Amino acid sequence: MTLSVPTILAIIGMAIVTYATRIGGLFFADKLQFKGKAKAAFDEIPAAVLVSVIAPAVLTTGPAETIAALITILCARRLPLIAVVIVGVVAVVVLRLLMS
């Protein structure tokens, strides 16, 4: 498979834009001063990104993943984020082993 010049330029352009937005976020995030609801929303971004990555897998795979997601949701009400991630990973691994 050979790539044409416009395809290569498009890939390079997308990579530059992606990199620029990530670096821009690192430089500008410290300078932003949020208060009230804006600060609360900004603090929830990591959890929202995590859900957006995990939700498609939960909805398109088997029962082990769905049950593990339910366990994780229940734990999310009481545990810190890192503990919830660990519980979710352990739950899906154990359930996959038990259900295979």
PDB file of N, CA and C in Angstrom:
ATOM      1  N   MET A   1       0.845  -1.172   0.000  1.00  0.00           N
ATOM      2  CA  MET A   1       0.000   0.000   0.000  1.00  0.00           C
ATOM      3  C   MET A   1       0.889   1.232   0.000  1.00  0.00           C
ATOM      4  N   THR A   2       0.696   2.101  -0.931  1.00  0.00           N
ATOM      5  CA  THR A   2       1.463   3.338  -0.988  1.00  0.00           C
ATOM      6  C   THR A   2       0.563   4.509  -0.634  1.00  0.00           C
ATOM      7  N   LEU A   3       1.135   5.450   0.049  1.00  0.00           N
ATOM      8  CA  LEU A   3       0.402   6.646   0.442  1.00  0.00           C
ATOM      9  C   LEU A   3       0.720   7.777  -0.519  1.00  0.00           C
ATOM     10  N   SER A   4      -0.294   8.504  -0.879  1.00  0.00           N
ATOM     11  CA  SER A   4      -0.077   9.645  -1.768  1.00  0.00           C
ATOM     12  C   SER A   4       0.426  10.833  -0.957  1.00  0.00           C
ATOM     13  N   VAL A   5       0.980  11.811  -1.649  1.00  0.00           N
ATOM     14  CA  VAL A   5       1.509  13.010  -0.988  1.00  0.00           C
ATOM     15  C   VAL A   5       0.418  13.738  -0.204  1.00  0.00           C
ATOM     16  N   PRO A   6      -0.787  13.943  -0.744  1.00  0.00           N
ATOM     17  CA  PRO A   6      -1.825  14.609   0.059  1.00  0.00           C
ATOM     18  C   PRO A   6      -2.186  13.846   1.335  1.00  0.00           C
ATOM     19  N   THR A   7      -2.171  12.520   1.267  1.00  0.00           N
ATOM     20  CA  THR A   7      -2.466  11.722   2.456  1.00  0.00           C
ATOM     21  C   THR A   7      -1.382  11.901   3.505  1.00  0.00           C
ATOM     22  N   ILE A   8      -0.142  11.871   3.090  1.00  0.00           N
ATOM     23  CA  ILE A   8       0.971  12.060   4.022  1.00  0.00           C
ATOM     24  C   ILE A   8       0.915  13.450   4.638  1.00  0.00           C
ATOM     25  N   LEU A   9       0.637  14.463   3.819  1.00  0.00           N
ATOM     26  CA  LEU A   9       0.531  15.836   4.340  1.00  0.00           C
ATOM     27  C   LEU A   9      -0.630  15.969   5.322  1.00  0.00           C
ATOM     28  N   ALA A  10      -1.737  15.294   5.049  1.00  0.00           N
ATOM     29  CA  ALA A  10      -2.877  15.326   5.965  1.00  0.00           C
ATOM     30  C   ALA A  10      -2.517  14.681   7.299  1.00  0.00           C
ATOM     31  N   ILE A  11      -1.814  13.558   7.258  1.00  0.00           N
ATOM     32  CA  ILE A  11      -1.400  12.880   8.486  1.00  0.00           C
ATOM     33  C   ILE A  11      -0.448  13.764   9.283  1.00  0.00           C
ATOM     34  N   ILE A  12       0.509  14.370   8.619  1.00  0.00           N
ATOM     35  CA  ILE A  12       1.460  15.263   9.302  1.00  0.00           C
ATOM     36  C   ILE A  12       0.731  16.466   9.887  1.00  0.00           C
ATOM     37  N   GLY A  13      -0.199  17.026   9.118  1.00  0.00           N
ATOM     38  CA  GLY A  13      -0.969  18.169   9.608  1.00  0.00           C
ATOM     39  C   GLY A  13      -1.783  17.828  10.836  1.00  0.00           C
ATOM     40  N   MET A  14      -2.443  16.663  10.821  1.00  0.00           N
ATOM     41  CA  MET A  14      -3.225  16.240  11.979  1.00  0.00           C
ATOM     42  C   MET A  14      -2.332  16.001  13.190  1.00  0.00           C
ATOM     43  N   ALA A  15      -1.156  15.447  12.966  1.00  0.00           N
ATOM     44  CA  ALA A  15      -0.225  15.210  14.069  1.00  0.00           C
ATOM     45  C   ALA A  15       0.229  16.533  14.679  1.00  0.00           C
ATOM     46  N   ILE A  16       0.511  17.527  13.847  1.00  0.00           N
ATOM     47  CA  ILE A  16       0.944  18.835  14.345  1.00  0.00           C
ATOM     48  C   ILE A  16      -0.165  19.493  15.156  1.00  0.00           C
ATOM     49  N   VAL A  17      -1.394  19.450  14.652  1.00  0.00           N
ATOM     50  CA  VAL A  17      -2.513  20.065  15.369  1.00  0.00           C
ATOM     51  C   VAL A  17      -2.755  19.349  16.694  1.00  0.00           C
ATOM     52  N   THR A  18      -2.697  18.026  16.688  1.00  0.00           N
ATOM     53  CA  THR A  18      -2.887  17.263  17.927  1.00  0.00           C
ATOM     54  C   THR A  18      -1.815  17.602  18.946  1.00  0.00           C
ATOM     55  N   TYR A  19      -0.575  17.614  18.505  1.00  0.00           N
ATOM     56  CA  TYR A  19       0.531  17.936  19.402  1.00  0.00           C
ATOM     57  C   TYR A  19       0.404  19.362  19.934  1.00  0.00           C
ATOM     58  N   ALA A  20       0.035  20.305  19.069  1.00  0.00           N
ATOM     59  CA  ALA A  20      -0.100  21.707  19.485  1.00  0.00           C
ATOM     60  C   ALA A  20      -1.193  21.878  20.537  1.00  0.00           C
ATOM     61  N   THR A  21      -2.311  21.180  20.382  1.00  0.00           N
ATOM     62  CA  THR A  21      -3.368  21.319  21.385  1.00  0.00           C
ATOM     63  C   THR A  21      -2.954  20.705  22.722  1.00  0.00           C
ATOM     64  N   ARG A  22      -2.217  19.625  22.672  1.00  0.00           N
ATOM     65  CA  ARG A  22      -1.759  19.026  23.932  1.00  0.00           C
ATOM     66  C   ARG A  22      -0.727  19.903  24.639  1.00  0.00           C
ATOM     67  N   ILE A  23       0.224  20.399  23.888  1.00  0.00           N
ATOM     68  CA  ILE A  23       1.238  21.276  24.474  1.00  0.00           C
ATOM     69  C   ILE A  23       0.598  22.576  24.942  1.00  0.00           C
ATOM     70  N   GLY A  24      -0.328  23.108  24.145  1.00  0.00           N
ATOM     71  CA  GLY A  24      -1.030  24.334  24.530  1.00  0.00           C
ATOM     72  C   GLY A  24      -1.769  24.160  25.848  1.00  0.00           C
ATOM     73  N   GLY A  25      -2.384  23.012  26.016  1.00  0.00           N
ATOM     74  CA  GLY A  25      -3.076  22.736  27.275  1.00  0.00           C
ATOM     75  C   GLY A  25      -2.133  22.736  28.459  1.00  0.00           C
ATOM     76  N   LEU A  26      -0.945  22.193  28.276  1.00  0.00           N
ATOM     77  CA  LEU A  26       0.037  22.184  29.371  1.00  0.00           C
ATOM     78  C   LEU A  26       0.490  23.597  29.726  1.00  0.00           C
ATOM     79  N   PHE A  27       0.695  24.426  28.712  1.00  0.00           N
ATOM     80  CA  PHE A  27       1.168  25.791  28.966  1.00  0.00           C
ATOM     81  C   PHE A  27       0.084  26.694  29.545  1.00  0.00           C
ATOM     82  N   PHE A  28      -1.144  26.531  29.079  1.00  0.00           N
ATOM     83  CA  PHE A  28      -2.198  27.454  29.476  1.00  0.00           C
ATOM     84  C   PHE A  28      -2.997  26.997  30.688  1.00  0.00           C
ATOM     85  N   ALA A  29      -2.981  25.737  31.023  1.00  0.00           N
ATOM     86  CA  ALA A  29      -3.783  25.237  32.142  1.00  0.00           C
ATOM     87  C   ALA A  29      -3.369  25.876  33.464  1.00  0.00           C
ATOM     88  N   ASP A  30      -2.085  26.124  33.655  1.00  0.00           N
ATOM     89  CA  ASP A  30      -1.625  26.738  34.899  1.00  0.00           C
ATOM     90  C   ASP A  30      -2.031  28.205  34.999  1.00  0.00           C
ATOM     91  N   LYS A  31      -2.255  28.842  33.880  1.00  0.00           N
ATOM     92  CA  LYS A  31      -2.587  30.259  33.865  1.00  0.00           C
ATOM     93  C   LYS A  31      -4.078  30.529  34.045  1.00  0.00           C
ATOM     94  N   LEU A  32      -4.898  29.498  33.885  1.00  0.00           N
ATOM     95  CA  LEU A  32      -6.337  29.668  34.006  1.00  0.00           C
ATOM     96  C   LEU A  32      -6.756  29.654  35.463  1.00  0.00           C
ATOM     97  N   GLN A  33      -7.604  30.564  35.824  1.00  0.00           N
ATOM     98  CA  GLN A  33      -8.124  30.655  37.186  1.00  0.00           C
ATOM     99  C   GLN A  33      -9.627  30.395  37.151  1.00  0.00           C
ATOM    100  N   PHE A  34     -10.042  29.222  37.565  1.00  0.00           N
ATOM    101  CA  PHE A  34     -11.458  28.884  37.560  1.00  0.00           C
ATOM    102  C   PHE A  34     -12.027  29.023  38.957  1.00  0.00           C
ATOM    103  N   LYS A  35     -13.289  29.409  39.020  1.00  0.00           N
ATOM    104  CA  LYS A  35     -13.998  29.512  40.293  1.00  0.00           C
ATOM    105  C   LYS A  35     -15.382  28.912  40.135  1.00  0.00           C
ATOM    106  N   GLY A  36     -15.923  28.429  41.213  1.00  0.00           N
ATOM    107  CA  GLY A  36     -17.297  27.947  41.229  1.00  0.00           C
ATOM    108  C   GLY A  36     -17.539  26.753  40.328  1.00  0.00           C
ATOM    109  N   LYS A  37     -18.594  26.880  39.516  1.00  0.00           N
ATOM    110  CA  LYS A  37     -19.009  25.781  38.649  1.00  0.00           C
ATOM    111  C   LYS A  37     -17.967  25.469  37.583  1.00  0.00           C
ATOM    112  N   ALA A  38     -17.275  26.480  37.078  1.00  0.00           N
ATOM    113  CA  ALA A  38     -16.247  26.243  36.060  1.00  0.00           C
ATOM    114  C   ALA A  38     -15.114  25.404  36.635  1.00  0.00           C
ATOM    115  N   LYS A  39     -14.716  25.678  37.888  1.00  0.00           N
ATOM    116  CA  LYS A  39     -13.660  24.890  38.529  1.00  0.00           C
ATOM    117  C   LYS A  39     -14.128  23.456  38.753  1.00  0.00           C
ATOM    118  N   ALA A  40     -15.365  23.303  39.176  1.00  0.00           N
ATOM    119  CA  ALA A  40     -15.905  21.962  39.399  1.00  0.00           C
ATOM    120  C   ALA A  40     -15.937  21.168  38.092  1.00  0.00           C
ATOM    121  N   ALA A  41     -16.341  21.817  37.003  1.00  0.00           N
ATOM    122  CA  ALA A  41     -16.369  21.148  35.705  1.00  0.00           C
ATOM    123  C   ALA A  41     -14.969  20.790  35.248  1.00  0.00           C
ATOM    124  N   PHE A  42     -14.019  21.699  35.418  1.00  0.00           N
ATOM    125  CA  PHE A  42     -12.635  21.452  35.011  1.00  0.00           C
ATOM    126  C   PHE A  42     -12.035  20.292  35.798  1.00  0.00           C
ATOM    127  N   ASP A  43     -12.376  20.184  37.071  1.00  0.00           N
ATOM    128  CA  ASP A  43     -11.862  19.096  37.905  1.00  0.00           C
ATOM    129  C   ASP A  43     -12.411  17.733  37.502  1.00  0.00           C
ATOM    130  N   GLU A  44     -13.545  17.702  36.831  1.00  0.00           N
ATOM    131  CA  GLU A  44     -14.163  16.436  36.424  1.00  0.00           C
ATOM    132  C   GLU A  44     -13.722  15.959  35.040  1.00  0.00           C
ATOM    133  N   ILE A  45     -12.879  16.709  34.361  1.00  0.00           N
ATOM    134  CA  ILE A  45     -12.441  16.326  33.014  1.00  0.00           C
ATOM    135  C   ILE A  45     -11.769  14.955  32.988  1.00  0.00           C
ATOM    136  N   PRO A  46     -10.845  14.624  33.905  1.00  0.00           N
ATOM    137  CA  PRO A  46     -10.223  13.289  33.847  1.00  0.00           C
ATOM    138  C   PRO A  46     -11.242  12.147  33.926  1.00  0.00           C
ATOM    139  N   ALA A  47     -12.222  12.289  34.793  1.00  0.00           N
ATOM    140  CA  ALA A  47     -13.238  11.237  34.908  1.00  0.00           C
ATOM    141  C   ALA A  47     -14.072  11.147  33.631  1.00  0.00           C
ATOM    142  N   ALA A  48     -14.394  12.290  33.039  1.00  0.00           N
ATOM    143  CA  ALA A  48     -15.185  12.289  31.803  1.00  0.00           C
ATOM    144  C   ALA A  48     -14.422  11.638  30.656  1.00  0.00           C
ATOM    145  N   VAL A  49     -13.134  11.897  30.573  1.00  0.00           N
ATOM    146  CA  VAL A  49     -12.314  11.278  29.527  1.00  0.00           C
ATOM    147  C   VAL A  49     -12.244   9.774  29.750  1.00  0.00           C
ATOM    148  N   LEU A  50     -12.075   9.367  30.982  1.00  0.00           N
ATOM    149  CA  LEU A  50     -12.028   7.943  31.298  1.00  0.00           C
ATOM    150  C   LEU A  50     -13.324   7.244  30.900  1.00  0.00           C
ATOM    151  N   VAL A  51     -14.455   7.850  31.198  1.00  0.00           N
ATOM    152  CA  VAL A  51     -15.742   7.269  30.833  1.00  0.00           C
ATOM    153  C   VAL A  51     -15.887   7.190  29.317  1.00  0.00           C
ATOM    154  N   SER A  52     -15.441   8.220  28.611  1.00  0.00           N
ATOM    155  CA  SER A  52     -15.583   8.211  27.148  1.00  0.00           C
ATOM    156  C   SER A  52     -14.717   7.141  26.494  1.00  0.00           C
ATOM    157  N   VAL A  53     -13.643   6.757  27.147  1.00  0.00           N
ATOM    158  CA  VAL A  53     -12.790   5.690  26.617  1.00  0.00           C
ATOM    159  C   VAL A  53     -13.376   4.315  26.944  1.00  0.00           C
ATOM    160  N   ILE A  54     -13.939   4.181  28.116  1.00  0.00           N
ATOM    161  CA  ILE A  54     -14.414   2.886  28.584  1.00  0.00           C
ATOM    162  C   ILE A  54     -15.818   2.542  28.078  1.00  0.00           C
ATOM    163  N   ALA A  55     -16.689   3.519  27.950  1.00  0.00           N
ATOM    164  CA  ALA A  55     -18.095   3.265  27.595  1.00  0.00           C
ATOM    165  C   ALA A  55     -18.269   2.442  26.319  1.00  0.00           C
ATOM    166  N   PRO A  56     -17.552   2.732  25.228  1.00  0.00           N
ATOM    167  CA  PRO A  56     -17.749   1.898  24.028  1.00  0.00           C
ATOM    168  C   PRO A  56     -17.427   0.417  24.257  1.00  0.00           C
ATOM    169  N   ALA A  57     -16.389   0.142  25.035  1.00  0.00           N
ATOM    170  CA  ALA A  57     -16.034  -1.255  25.314  1.00  0.00           C
ATOM    171  C   ALA A  57     -17.113  -1.933  26.148  1.00  0.00           C
ATOM    172  N   VAL A  58     -17.687  -1.211  27.084  1.00  0.00           N
ATOM    173  CA  VAL A  58     -18.732  -1.780  27.935  1.00  0.00           C
ATOM    174  C   VAL A  58     -19.974  -2.095  27.114  1.00  0.00           C
ATOM    175  N   LEU A  59     -20.283  -1.228  26.174  1.00  0.00           N
ATOM    176  CA  LEU A  59     -21.519  -1.383  25.412  1.00  0.00           C
ATOM    177  C   LEU A  59     -21.403  -2.337  24.236  1.00  0.00           C
ATOM    178  N   THR A  60     -20.188  -2.665  23.809  1.00  0.00           N
ATOM    179  CA  THR A  60     -20.048  -3.489  22.606  1.00  0.00           C
ATOM    180  C   THR A  60     -19.385  -4.843  22.859  1.00  0.00           C
ATOM    181  N   THR A  61     -19.091  -5.173  24.089  1.00  0.00           N
ATOM    182  CA  THR A  61     -18.447  -6.455  24.373  1.00  0.00           C
ATOM    183  C   THR A  61     -19.391  -7.350  25.163  1.00  0.00           C
ATOM    184  N   GLY A  62     -18.841  -8.284  25.882  1.00  0.00           N
ATOM    185  CA  GLY A  62     -19.668  -9.299  26.526  1.00  0.00           C
ATOM    186  C   GLY A  62     -20.148  -8.952  27.918  1.00  0.00           C
ATOM    187  N   PRO A  63     -20.772  -9.943  28.563  1.00  0.00           N
ATOM    188  CA  PRO A  63     -21.347  -9.734  29.894  1.00  0.00           C
ATOM    189  C   PRO A  63     -20.290  -9.474  30.976  1.00  0.00           C
ATOM    190  N   ALA A  64     -19.092 -10.008  30.823  1.00  0.00           N
ATOM    191  CA  ALA A  64     -18.057  -9.773  31.830  1.00  0.00           C
ATOM    192  C   ALA A  64     -17.739  -8.284  31.938  1.00  0.00           C
ATOM    193  N   GLU A  65     -17.637  -7.624  30.802  1.00  0.00           N
ATOM    194  CA  GLU A  65     -17.326  -6.205  30.803  1.00  0.00           C
ATOM    195  C   GLU A  65     -18.482  -5.374  31.361  1.00  0.00           C
ATOM    196  N   THR A  66     -19.701  -5.785  31.039  1.00  0.00           N
ATOM    197  CA  THR A  66     -20.873  -5.060  31.539  1.00  0.00           C
ATOM    198  C   THR A  66     -20.992  -5.188  33.051  1.00  0.00           C
ATOM    199  N   ILE A  67     -20.802  -6.387  33.570  1.00  0.00           N
ATOM    200  CA  ILE A  67     -20.862  -6.596  35.022  1.00  0.00           C
ATOM    201  C   ILE A  67     -19.729  -5.842  35.715  1.00  0.00           C
ATOM    202  N   ALA A  68     -18.522  -5.891  35.129  1.00  0.00           N
ATOM    203  CA  ALA A  68     -17.392  -5.158  35.706  1.00  0.00           C
ATOM    204  C   ALA A  68     -17.670  -3.657  35.721  1.00  0.00           C
ATOM    205  N   ALA A  69     -18.333  -3.166  34.683  1.00  0.00           N
ATOM    206  CA  ALA A  69     -18.677  -1.741  34.653  1.00  0.00           C
ATOM    207  C   ALA A  69     -19.662  -1.395  35.765  1.00  0.00           C
ATOM    208  N   LEU A  70     -20.632  -2.262  36.005  1.00  0.00           N
ATOM    209  CA  LEU A  70     -21.587  -2.018  37.088  1.00  0.00           C
ATOM    210  C   LEU A  70     -20.892  -2.023  38.454  1.00  0.00           C
ATOM    211  N   ILE A  71     -19.976  -2.947  38.662  1.00  0.00           N
ATOM    212  CA  ILE A  71     -19.199  -2.989  39.907  1.00  0.00           C
ATOM    213  C   ILE A  71     -18.397  -1.696  40.057  1.00  0.00           C
ATOM    214  N   THR A  72     -17.796  -1.264  38.974  1.00  0.00           N
ATOM    215  CA  THR A  72     -16.984  -0.048  38.995  1.00  0.00           C
ATOM    216  C   THR A  72     -17.836   1.177  39.310  1.00  0.00           C
ATOM    217  N   ILE A  73     -19.018   1.243  38.728  1.00  0.00           N
ATOM    218  CA  ILE A  73     -19.917   2.376  38.993  1.00  0.00           C
ATOM    219  C   ILE A  73     -20.302   2.422  40.464  1.00  0.00           C
ATOM    220  N   LEU A  74     -20.587   1.255  41.037  1.00  0.00           N
ATOM    221  CA  LEU A  74     -20.930   1.213  42.460  1.00  0.00           C
ATOM    222  C   LEU A  74     -19.757   1.685  43.331  1.00  0.00           C
ATOM    223  N   CYS A  75     -18.548   1.281  42.963  1.00  0.00           N
ATOM    224  CA  CYS A  75     -17.367   1.687  43.733  1.00  0.00           C
ATOM    225  C   CYS A  75     -17.064   3.172  43.562  1.00  0.00           C
ATOM    226  N   ALA A  76     -17.423   3.725  42.425  1.00  0.00           N
ATOM    227  CA  ALA A  76     -17.118   5.132  42.148  1.00  0.00           C
ATOM    228  C   ALA A  76     -17.840   6.075  43.091  1.00  0.00           C
ATOM    229  N   ARG A  77     -18.882   5.623  43.708  1.00  0.00           N
ATOM    230  CA  ARG A  77     -19.621   6.480  44.634  1.00  0.00           C
ATOM    231  C   ARG A  77     -18.887   6.670  45.962  1.00  0.00           C
ATOM    232  N   ARG A  78     -17.924   5.794  46.264  1.00  0.00           N
ATOM    233  CA  ARG A  78     -17.270   5.858  47.571  1.00  0.00           C
ATOM    234  C   ARG A  78     -15.744   5.925  47.533  1.00  0.00           C
ATOM    235  N   LEU A  79     -15.137   5.496  46.440  1.00  0.00           N
ATOM    236  CA  LEU A  79     -13.671   5.407  46.387  1.00  0.00           C
ATOM    237  C   LEU A  79     -13.075   6.529  45.537  1.00  0.00           C
ATOM    238  N   PRO A  80     -11.804   6.851  45.759  1.00  0.00           N
ATOM    239  CA  PRO A  80     -11.136   7.818  44.887  1.00  0.00           C
ATOM    240  C   PRO A  80     -10.920   7.234  43.491  1.00  0.00           C
ATOM    241  N   LEU A  81     -10.658   8.099  42.523  1.00  0.00           N
ATOM    242  CA  LEU A  81     -10.599   7.708  41.119  1.00  0.00           C
ATOM    243  C   LEU A  81      -9.604   6.578  40.860  1.00  0.00           C
ATOM    244  N   ILE A  82      -8.406   6.653  41.410  1.00  0.00           N
ATOM    245  CA  ILE A  82      -7.395   5.617  41.140  1.00  0.00           C
ATOM    246  C   ILE A  82      -7.854   4.260  41.677  1.00  0.00           C
ATOM    247  N   ALA A  83      -8.509   4.258  42.826  1.00  0.00           N
ATOM    248  CA  ALA A  83      -9.023   3.003  43.377  1.00  0.00           C
ATOM    249  C   ALA A  83     -10.138   2.442  42.502  1.00  0.00           C
ATOM    250  N   VAL A  84     -10.960   3.307  41.945  1.00  0.00           N
ATOM    251  CA  VAL A  84     -12.038   2.876  41.061  1.00  0.00           C
ATOM    252  C   VAL A  84     -11.459   2.232  39.799  1.00  0.00           C
ATOM    253  N   VAL A  85     -10.419   2.830  39.259  1.00  0.00           N
ATOM    254  CA  VAL A  85      -9.770   2.266  38.066  1.00  0.00           C
ATOM    255  C   VAL A  85      -9.215   0.882  38.378  1.00  0.00           C
ATOM    256  N   ILE A  86      -8.565   0.742  39.513  1.00  0.00           N
ATOM    257  CA  ILE A  86      -7.994  -0.556  39.907  1.00  0.00           C
ATOM    258  C   ILE A  86      -9.102  -1.597  40.089  1.00  0.00           C
ATOM    259  N   VAL A  87     -10.170  -1.224  40.769  1.00  0.00           N
ATOM    260  CA  VAL A  87     -11.294  -2.145  40.963  1.00  0.00           C
ATOM    261  C   VAL A  87     -11.870  -2.567  39.613  1.00  0.00           C
ATOM    262  N   GLY A  88     -12.025  -1.626  38.699  1.00  0.00           N
ATOM    263  CA  GLY A  88     -12.571  -1.935  37.384  1.00  0.00           C
ATOM    264  C   GLY A  88     -11.704  -2.904  36.606  1.00  0.00           C
ATOM    265  N   VAL A  89     -10.404  -2.676  36.626  1.00  0.00           N
ATOM    266  CA  VAL A  89      -9.478  -3.550  35.895  1.00  0.00           C
ATOM    267  C   VAL A  89      -9.486  -4.956  36.505  1.00  0.00           C
ATOM    268  N   VAL A  90      -9.411  -5.030  37.817  1.00  0.00           N
ATOM    269  CA  VAL A  90      -9.420  -6.338  38.483  1.00  0.00           C
ATOM    270  C   VAL A  90     -10.742  -7.060  38.223  1.00  0.00           C
ATOM    271  N   ALA A  91     -11.837  -6.329  38.294  1.00  0.00           N
ATOM    272  CA  ALA A  91     -13.147  -6.945  38.077  1.00  0.00           C
ATOM    273  C   ALA A  91     -13.268  -7.528  36.672  1.00  0.00           C
ATOM    274  N   VAL A  92     -12.840  -6.788  35.675  1.00  0.00           N
ATOM    275  CA  VAL A  92     -12.974  -7.293  34.307  1.00  0.00           C
ATOM    276  C   VAL A  92     -12.055  -8.491  34.069  1.00  0.00           C
ATOM    277  N   VAL A  93     -10.864  -8.477  34.641  1.00  0.00           N
ATOM    278  CA  VAL A  93      -9.948  -9.607  34.472  1.00  0.00           C
ATOM    279  C   VAL A  93     -10.517 -10.859  35.142  1.00  0.00           C
ATOM    280  N   VAL A  94     -10.967 -10.714  36.371  1.00  0.00           N
ATOM    281  CA  VAL A  94     -11.511 -11.867  37.098  1.00  0.00           C
ATOM    282  C   VAL A  94     -12.763 -12.400  36.410  1.00  0.00           C
ATOM    283  N   LEU A  95     -13.654 -11.498  36.006  1.00  0.00           N
ATOM    284  CA  LEU A  95     -14.894 -11.953  35.353  1.00  0.00           C
ATOM    285  C   LEU A  95     -14.621 -12.611  34.001  1.00  0.00           C
ATOM    286  N   ARG A  96     -13.645 -12.097  33.266  1.00  0.00           N
ATOM    287  CA  ARG A  96     -13.293 -12.757  32.004  1.00  0.00           C
ATOM    288  C   ARG A  96     -12.769 -14.166  32.249  1.00  0.00           C
ATOM    289  N   LEU A  97     -11.957 -14.326  33.293  1.00  0.00           N
ATOM    290  CA  LEU A  97     -11.430 -15.661  33.614  1.00  0.00           C
ATOM    291  C   LEU A  97     -12.545 -16.602  34.035  1.00  0.00           C
ATOM    292  N   LEU A  98     -13.483 -16.098  34.839  1.00  0.00           N
ATOM    293  CA  LEU A  98     -14.570 -16.944  35.340  1.00  0.00           C
ATOM    294  C   LEU A  98     -15.592 -17.275  34.244  1.00  0.00           C
ATOM    295  N   MET A  99     -15.776 -16.380  33.296  1.00  0.00           N
ATOM    296  CA  MET A  99     -16.825 -16.571  32.290  1.00  0.00           C
ATOM    297  C   MET A  99     -16.312 -17.175  30.990  1.00  0.00           C
ATOM    298  N   SER A 100     -15.026 -17.448  30.915  1.00  0.00           N
ATOM    299  CA  SER A 100     -14.498 -18.029  29.659  1.00  0.00           C
ATOM    300  C   SER A 100     -14.501 -19.537  29.697  1.00  0.00           C
TER     301      SER A 100
END
